[in-house]
Amino acid sequence: MSLVTTPARALAVCSVCAGTRVTAITMTLTDGSVVDFASCHTCEHKSWTQGGAPLDISTVLRKATKTKVAR
């Protein structure tokens, strides 16, 4: 049993199956971009968005890659 409860109206909703068993987090990637990640525990759909616009995984990986500086 969870000690923290969130009202149903405040839960994230999956854009594919409309499920509410969604983990949603906001993070700052290596390049400074603020992005939102959502993962549905019902249908396993995962998505990334930035400013409400969808991002494909290749863009997320590029933004998250640390660039090595030559010495």
PDB file of N, CA and C in Angstrom:
ATOM      1  N   MET A   1       0.836  -1.171   0.000  1.00  0.00           N
ATOM      2  CA  MET A   1       0.000   0.000   0.000  1.00  0.00           C
ATOM      3  C   MET A   1       0.886   1.240   0.000  1.00  0.00           C
ATOM      4  N   SER A   2       0.563   2.186  -0.835  1.00  0.00           N
ATOM      5  CA  SER A   2       1.320   3.426  -0.934  1.00  0.00           C
ATOM      6  C   SER A   2       0.919   4.387   0.182  1.00  0.00           C
ATOM      7  N   LEU A   3       1.883   5.096   0.692  1.00  0.00           N
ATOM      8  CA  LEU A   3       1.599   6.108   1.702  1.00  0.00           C
ATOM      9  C   LEU A   3       1.192   7.426   1.059  1.00  0.00           C
ATOM     10  N   VAL A   4       1.506   7.568  -0.219  1.00  0.00           N
ATOM     11  CA  VAL A   4       1.177   8.790  -0.945  1.00  0.00           C
ATOM     12  C   VAL A   4       0.073   8.477  -1.946  1.00  0.00           C
ATOM     13  N   THR A   5      -0.968   9.259  -1.939  1.00  0.00           N
ATOM     14  CA  THR A   5      -2.037   9.066  -2.913  1.00  0.00           C
ATOM     15  C   THR A   5      -2.231  10.346  -3.700  1.00  0.00           C
ATOM     16  N   THR A   6      -2.485  10.184  -4.977  1.00  0.00           N
ATOM     17  CA  THR A   6      -2.714  11.317  -5.874  1.00  0.00           C
ATOM     18  C   THR A   6      -4.152  11.242  -6.344  1.00  0.00           C
ATOM     19  N   PRO A   7      -4.863  12.342  -6.304  1.00  0.00           N
ATOM     20  CA  PRO A   7      -6.240  12.319  -6.806  1.00  0.00           C
ATOM     21  C   PRO A   7      -6.254  11.898  -8.276  1.00  0.00           C
ATOM     22  N   ALA A   8      -7.259  11.142  -8.689  1.00  0.00           N
ATOM     23  CA  ALA A   8      -7.347  10.627 -10.055  1.00  0.00           C
ATOM     24  C   ALA A   8      -7.264  11.742 -11.090  1.00  0.00           C
ATOM     25  N   ARG A   9      -7.814  12.903 -10.814  1.00  0.00           N
ATOM     26  CA  ARG A   9      -7.801  14.000 -11.784  1.00  0.00           C
ATOM     27  C   ARG A   9      -6.389  14.540 -12.015  1.00  0.00           C
ATOM     28  N   ALA A  10      -5.448  14.251 -11.107  1.00  0.00           N
ATOM     29  CA  ALA A  10      -4.090  14.762 -11.226  1.00  0.00           C
ATOM     30  C   ALA A  10      -3.118  13.732 -11.816  1.00  0.00           C
ATOM     31  N   LEU A  11      -3.598  12.517 -12.073  1.00  0.00           N
ATOM     32  CA  LEU A  11      -2.727  11.479 -12.608  1.00  0.00           C
ATOM     33  C   LEU A  11      -2.411  11.729 -14.078  1.00  0.00           C
ATOM     34  N   ALA A  12      -1.201  11.355 -14.486  1.00  0.00           N
ATOM     35  CA  ALA A  12      -0.851  11.396 -15.905  1.00  0.00           C
ATOM     36  C   ALA A  12      -1.667  10.319 -16.620  1.00  0.00           C
ATOM     37  N   VAL A  13      -2.010  10.574 -17.875  1.00  0.00           N
ATOM     38  CA  VAL A  13      -2.806   9.640 -18.664  1.00  0.00           C
ATOM     39  C   VAL A  13      -2.019   9.249 -19.902  1.00  0.00           C
ATOM     40  N   CYS A  14      -1.979   7.956 -20.207  1.00  0.00           N
ATOM     41  CA  CYS A  14      -1.284   7.448 -21.391  1.00  0.00           C
ATOM     42  C   CYS A  14      -1.993   7.921 -22.655  1.00  0.00           C
ATOM     43  N   SER A  15      -1.216   8.414 -23.619  1.00  0.00           N
ATOM     44  CA  SER A  15      -1.784   8.900 -24.874  1.00  0.00           C
ATOM     45  C   SER A  15      -2.212   7.771 -25.805  1.00  0.00           C
ATOM     46  N   VAL A  16      -1.809   6.531 -25.495  1.00  0.00           N
ATOM     47  CA  VAL A  16      -2.153   5.386 -26.339  1.00  0.00           C
ATOM     48  C   VAL A  16      -3.353   4.625 -25.798  1.00  0.00           C
ATOM     49  N   CYS A  17      -3.303   4.232 -24.507  1.00  0.00           N
ATOM     50  CA  CYS A  17      -4.361   3.376 -23.958  1.00  0.00           C
ATOM     51  C   CYS A  17      -5.259   4.088 -22.943  1.00  0.00           C
ATOM     52  N   ALA A  18      -4.961   5.348 -22.628  1.00  0.00           N
ATOM     53  CA  ALA A  18      -5.693   6.146 -21.649  1.00  0.00           C
ATOM     54  C   ALA A  18      -5.561   5.614 -20.219  1.00  0.00           C
ATOM     55  N   GLY A  19      -4.585   4.737 -19.991  1.00  0.00           N
ATOM     56  CA  GLY A  19      -4.334   4.226 -18.656  1.00  0.00           C
ATOM     57  C   GLY A  19      -3.746   5.298 -17.757  1.00  0.00           C
ATOM     58  N   THR A  20      -3.926   5.132 -16.454  1.00  0.00           N
ATOM     59  CA  THR A  20      -3.385   6.094 -15.494  1.00  0.00           C
ATOM     60  C   THR A  20      -2.221   5.535 -14.689  1.00  0.00           C
ATOM     61  N   ARG A  21      -1.753   4.352 -15.059  1.00  0.00           N
ATOM     62  CA  ARG A  21      -0.571   3.795 -14.397  1.00  0.00           C
ATOM     63  C   ARG A  21       0.660   4.263 -15.178  1.00  0.00           C
ATOM     64  N   VAL A  22       0.944   5.552 -15.064  1.00  0.00           N
ATOM     65  CA  VAL A  22       1.993   6.190 -15.859  1.00  0.00           C
ATOM     66  C   VAL A  22       3.033   6.813 -14.934  1.00  0.00           C
ATOM     67  N   THR A  23       4.292   6.560 -15.252  1.00  0.00           N
ATOM     68  CA  THR A  23       5.381   7.255 -14.589  1.00  0.00           C
ATOM     69  C   THR A  23       5.741   8.420 -15.491  1.00  0.00           C
ATOM     70  N   ALA A  24       5.726   9.631 -14.964  1.00  0.00           N
ATOM     71  CA  ALA A  24       6.049  10.821 -15.748  1.00  0.00           C
ATOM     72  C   ALA A  24       7.073  11.647 -14.981  1.00  0.00           C
ATOM     73  N   ILE A  25       8.203  11.952 -15.637  1.00  0.00           N
ATOM     74  CA  ILE A  25       9.246  12.736 -14.988  1.00  0.00           C
ATOM     75  C   ILE A  25       9.761  13.802 -15.952  1.00  0.00           C
ATOM     76  N   THR A  26      10.207  14.892 -15.394  1.00  0.00           N
ATOM     77  CA  THR A  26      10.851  15.956 -16.156  1.00  0.00           C
ATOM     78  C   THR A  26      12.322  15.922 -15.801  1.00  0.00           C
ATOM     79  N   MET A  27      13.167  16.056 -16.818  1.00  0.00           N
ATOM     80  CA  MET A  27      14.611  16.019 -16.558  1.00  0.00           C
ATOM     81  C   MET A  27      15.342  16.983 -17.474  1.00  0.00           C
ATOM     82  N   THR A  28      16.548  17.322 -17.087  1.00  0.00           N
ATOM     83  CA  THR A  28      17.422  18.150 -17.902  1.00  0.00           C
ATOM     84  C   THR A  28      18.496  17.243 -18.490  1.00  0.00           C
ATOM     85  N   LEU A  29      18.574  17.223 -19.820  1.00  0.00           N
ATOM     86  CA  LEU A  29      19.555  16.384 -20.509  1.00  0.00           C
ATOM     87  C   LEU A  29      20.918  17.072 -20.537  1.00  0.00           C
ATOM     88  N   THR A  30      21.924  16.346 -20.997  1.00  0.00           N
ATOM     89  CA  THR A  30      23.294  16.829 -21.001  1.00  0.00           C
ATOM     90  C   THR A  30      23.456  18.160 -21.721  1.00  0.00           C
ATOM     91  N   ASP A  31      22.696  18.370 -22.805  1.00  0.00           N
ATOM     92  CA  ASP A  31      22.826  19.622 -23.557  1.00  0.00           C
ATOM     93  C   ASP A  31      22.023  20.773 -22.953  1.00  0.00           C
ATOM     94  N   GLY A  32      21.390  20.550 -21.795  1.00  0.00           N
ATOM     95  CA  GLY A  32      20.620  21.591 -21.120  1.00  0.00           C
ATOM     96  C   GLY A  32      19.141  21.593 -21.457  1.00  0.00           C
ATOM     97  N   SER A  33      18.716  20.722 -22.374  1.00  0.00           N
ATOM     98  CA  SER A  33      17.306  20.636 -22.757  1.00  0.00           C
ATOM     99  C   SER A  33      16.468  20.075 -21.611  1.00  0.00           C
ATOM    100  N   VAL A  34      15.328  20.708 -21.352  1.00  0.00           N
ATOM    101  CA  VAL A  34      14.373  20.199 -20.364  1.00  0.00           C
ATOM    102  C   VAL A  34      13.346  19.381 -21.142  1.00  0.00           C
ATOM    103  N   VAL A  35      13.227  18.095 -20.793  1.00  0.00           N
ATOM    104  CA  VAL A  35      12.325  17.189 -21.501  1.00  0.00           C
ATOM    105  C   VAL A  35      11.452  16.435 -20.498  1.00  0.00           C
ATOM    106  N   ASP A  36      10.331  15.951 -20.992  1.00  0.00           N
ATOM    107  CA  ASP A  36       9.419  15.148 -20.180  1.00  0.00           C
ATOM    108  C   ASP A  36       9.407  13.728 -20.726  1.00  0.00           C
ATOM    109  N   PHE A  37       9.523  12.754 -19.837  1.00  0.00           N
ATOM    110  CA  PHE A  37       9.477  11.336 -20.199  1.00  0.00           C
ATOM    111  C   PHE A  37       8.243  10.732 -19.548  1.00  0.00           C
ATOM    112  N   ALA A  38       7.531   9.905 -20.301  1.00  0.00           N
ATOM    113  CA  ALA A  38       6.366   9.203 -19.751  1.00  0.00           C
ATOM    114  C   ALA A  38       6.444   7.737 -20.149  1.00  0.00           C
ATOM    115  N   SER A  39       6.143   6.872 -19.204  1.00  0.00           N
ATOM    116  CA  SER A  39       6.151   5.432 -19.440  1.00  0.00           C
ATOM    117  C   SER A  39       4.881   4.835 -18.843  1.00  0.00           C
ATOM    118  N   CYS A  40       4.092   4.156 -19.697  1.00  0.00           N
ATOM    119  CA  CYS A  40       2.838   3.557 -19.259  1.00  0.00           C
ATOM    120  C   CYS A  40       3.086   2.133 -18.766  1.00  0.00           C
ATOM    121  N   HIS A  41       2.618   1.841 -17.570  1.00  0.00           N
ATOM    122  CA  HIS A  41       2.787   0.503 -17.006  1.00  0.00           C
ATOM    123  C   HIS A  41       1.734  -0.467 -17.525  1.00  0.00           C
ATOM    124  N   THR A  42       0.705   0.043 -18.175  1.00  0.00           N
ATOM    125  CA  THR A  42      -0.353  -0.807 -18.708  1.00  0.00           C
ATOM    126  C   THR A  42       0.016  -1.333 -20.093  1.00  0.00           C
ATOM    127  N   CYS A  43       0.332  -0.434 -21.031  1.00  0.00           N
ATOM    128  CA  CYS A  43       0.620  -0.862 -22.411  1.00  0.00           C
ATOM    129  C   CYS A  43       2.107  -0.769 -22.775  1.00  0.00           C
ATOM    130  N   GLU A  44       2.934  -0.253 -21.851  1.00  0.00           N
ATOM    131  CA  GLU A  44       4.382  -0.127 -22.016  1.00  0.00           C
ATOM    132  C   GLU A  44       4.799   0.918 -23.048  1.00  0.00           C
ATOM    133  N   HIS A  45       3.884   1.811 -23.455  1.00  0.00           N
ATOM    134  CA  HIS A  45       4.242   2.901 -24.359  1.00  0.00           C
ATOM    135  C   HIS A  45       5.141   3.887 -23.628  1.00  0.00           C
ATOM    136  N   LYS A  46       6.187   4.350 -24.315  1.00  0.00           N
ATOM    137  CA  LYS A  46       7.105   5.338 -23.757  1.00  0.00           C
ATOM    138  C   LYS A  46       7.166   6.526 -24.691  1.00  0.00           C
ATOM    139  N   SER A  47       7.239   7.722 -24.124  1.00  0.00           N
ATOM    140  CA  SER A  47       7.320   8.909 -24.974  1.00  0.00           C
ATOM    141  C   SER A  47       8.188   9.976 -24.322  1.00  0.00           C
ATOM    142  N   TRP A  48       8.768  10.802 -25.187  1.00  0.00           N
ATOM    143  CA  TRP A  48       9.565  11.949 -24.775  1.00  0.00           C
ATOM    144  C   TRP A  48       8.960  13.179 -25.428  1.00  0.00           C
ATOM    145  N   THR A  49       8.852  14.267 -24.685  1.00  0.00           N
ATOM    146  CA  THR A  49       8.381  15.522 -25.253  1.00  0.00           C
ATOM    147  C   THR A  49       9.239  16.667 -24.741  1.00  0.00           C
ATOM    148  N   GLN A  50       9.270  17.731 -25.545  1.00  0.00           N
ATOM    149  CA  GLN A  50       9.959  18.954 -25.139  1.00  0.00           C
ATOM    150  C   GLN A  50       9.050  20.112 -25.500  1.00  0.00           C
ATOM    151  N   GLY A  51       8.608  20.857 -24.499  1.00  0.00           N
ATOM    152  CA  GLY A  51       7.687  21.954 -24.728  1.00  0.00           C
ATOM    153  C   GLY A  51       6.373  21.494 -25.340  1.00  0.00           C
ATOM    154  N   GLY A  52       5.962  20.261 -25.034  1.00  0.00           N
ATOM    155  CA  GLY A  52       4.722  19.710 -25.558  1.00  0.00           C
ATOM    156  C   GLY A  52       4.856  19.033 -26.914  1.00  0.00           C
ATOM    157  N   ALA A  53       6.007  19.196 -27.576  1.00  0.00           N
ATOM    158  CA  ALA A  53       6.231  18.575 -28.891  1.00  0.00           C
ATOM    159  C   ALA A  53       6.921  17.224 -28.712  1.00  0.00           C
ATOM    160  N   PRO A  54       6.477  16.206 -29.444  1.00  0.00           N
ATOM    161  CA  PRO A  54       7.096  14.887 -29.311  1.00  0.00           C
ATOM    162  C   PRO A  54       8.542  14.872 -29.809  1.00  0.00           C
ATOM    163  N   LEU A  55       9.363  14.057 -29.151  1.00  0.00           N
ATOM    164  CA  LEU A  55      10.754  13.851 -29.562  1.00  0.00           C
ATOM    165  C   LEU A  55      10.946  12.372 -29.872  1.00  0.00           C
ATOM    166  N   ASP A  56      11.684  12.066 -30.942  1.00  0.00           N
ATOM    167  CA  ASP A  56      11.990  10.661 -31.203  1.00  0.00           C
ATOM    168  C   ASP A  56      13.225  10.294 -30.385  1.00  0.00           C
ATOM    169  N   ILE A  57      13.414   9.012 -30.180  1.00  0.00           N
ATOM    170  CA  ILE A  57      14.481   8.533 -29.292  1.00  0.00           C
ATOM    171  C   ILE A  57      15.864   8.929 -29.797  1.00  0.00           C
ATOM    172  N   SER A  58      16.070   8.985 -31.115  1.00  0.00           N
ATOM    173  CA  SER A  58      17.388   9.370 -31.632  1.00  0.00           C
ATOM    174  C   SER A  58      17.723  10.816 -31.252  1.00  0.00           C
ATOM    175  N   THR A  59      16.725  11.688 -31.233  1.00  0.00           N
ATOM    176  CA  THR A  59      16.939  13.070 -30.814  1.00  0.00           C
ATOM    177  C   THR A  59      17.269  13.132 -29.324  1.00  0.00           C
ATOM    178  N   VAL A  60      16.556  12.357 -28.523  1.00  0.00           N
ATOM    179  CA  VAL A  60      16.814  12.322 -27.080  1.00  0.00           C
ATOM    180  C   VAL A  60      18.232  11.822 -26.811  1.00  0.00           C
ATOM    181  N   LEU A  61      18.637  10.761 -27.501  1.00  0.00           N
ATOM    182  CA  LEU A  61      19.984  10.217 -27.289  1.00  0.00           C
ATOM    183  C   LEU A  61      21.059  11.222 -27.703  1.00  0.00           C
ATOM    184  N   ARG A  62      20.837  11.943 -28.797  1.00  0.00           N
ATOM    185  CA  ARG A  62      21.795  12.961 -29.245  1.00  0.00           C
ATOM    186  C   ARG A  62      21.908  14.068 -28.198  1.00  0.00           C
ATOM    187  N   LYS A  63      20.773  14.518 -27.659  1.00  0.00           N
ATOM    188  CA  LYS A  63      20.761  15.576 -26.658  1.00  0.00           C
ATOM    189  C   LYS A  63      21.386  15.125 -25.336  1.00  0.00           C
ATOM    190  N   ALA A  64      21.345  13.826 -25.063  1.00  0.00           N
ATOM    191  CA  ALA A  64      21.835  13.287 -23.799  1.00  0.00           C
ATOM    192  C   ALA A  64      23.290  12.821 -23.869  1.00  0.00           C
ATOM    193  N   THR A  65      23.881  12.857 -25.053  1.00  0.00           N
ATOM    194  CA  THR A  65      25.257  12.371 -25.219  1.00  0.00           C
ATOM    195  C   THR A  65      26.252  13.429 -24.755  1.00  0.00           C
ATOM    196  N   LYS A  66      27.168  12.995 -23.936  1.00  0.00           N
ATOM    197  CA  LYS A  66      28.197  13.887 -23.444  1.00  0.00           C
ATOM    198  C   LYS A  66      29.303  13.988 -24.478  1.00  0.00           C
ATOM    199  N   THR A  67      29.663  15.218 -24.849  1.00  0.00           N
ATOM    200  CA  THR A  67      30.710  15.436 -25.834  1.00  0.00           C
ATOM    201  C   THR A  67      32.055  15.486 -25.139  1.00  0.00           C
ATOM    202  N   LYS A  68      32.995  14.685 -25.648  1.00  0.00           N
ATOM    203  CA  LYS A  68      34.336  14.686 -25.068  1.00  0.00           C
ATOM    204  C   LYS A  68      35.139  15.843 -25.646  1.00  0.00           C
ATOM    205  N   VAL A  69      35.850  16.525 -24.772  1.00  0.00           N
ATOM    206  CA  VAL A  69      36.672  17.652 -25.185  1.00  0.00           C
ATOM    207  C   VAL A  69      38.110  17.146 -25.364  1.00  0.00           C
ATOM    208  N   ALA A  70      38.677  17.417 -26.546  1.00  0.00           N
ATOM    209  CA  ALA A  70      40.066  17.001 -26.820  1.00  0.00           C
ATOM    210  C   ALA A  70      41.014  17.863 -25.979  1.00  0.00           C
ATOM    211  N   ARG A  71      42.029  17.232 -25.476  1.00  0.00           N
ATOM    212  CA  ARG A  71      43.017  17.956 -24.654  1.00  0.00           C
ATOM    213  C   ARG A  71      44.298  18.132 -25.394  1.00  0.00           C
TER     214      ARG A  71
END
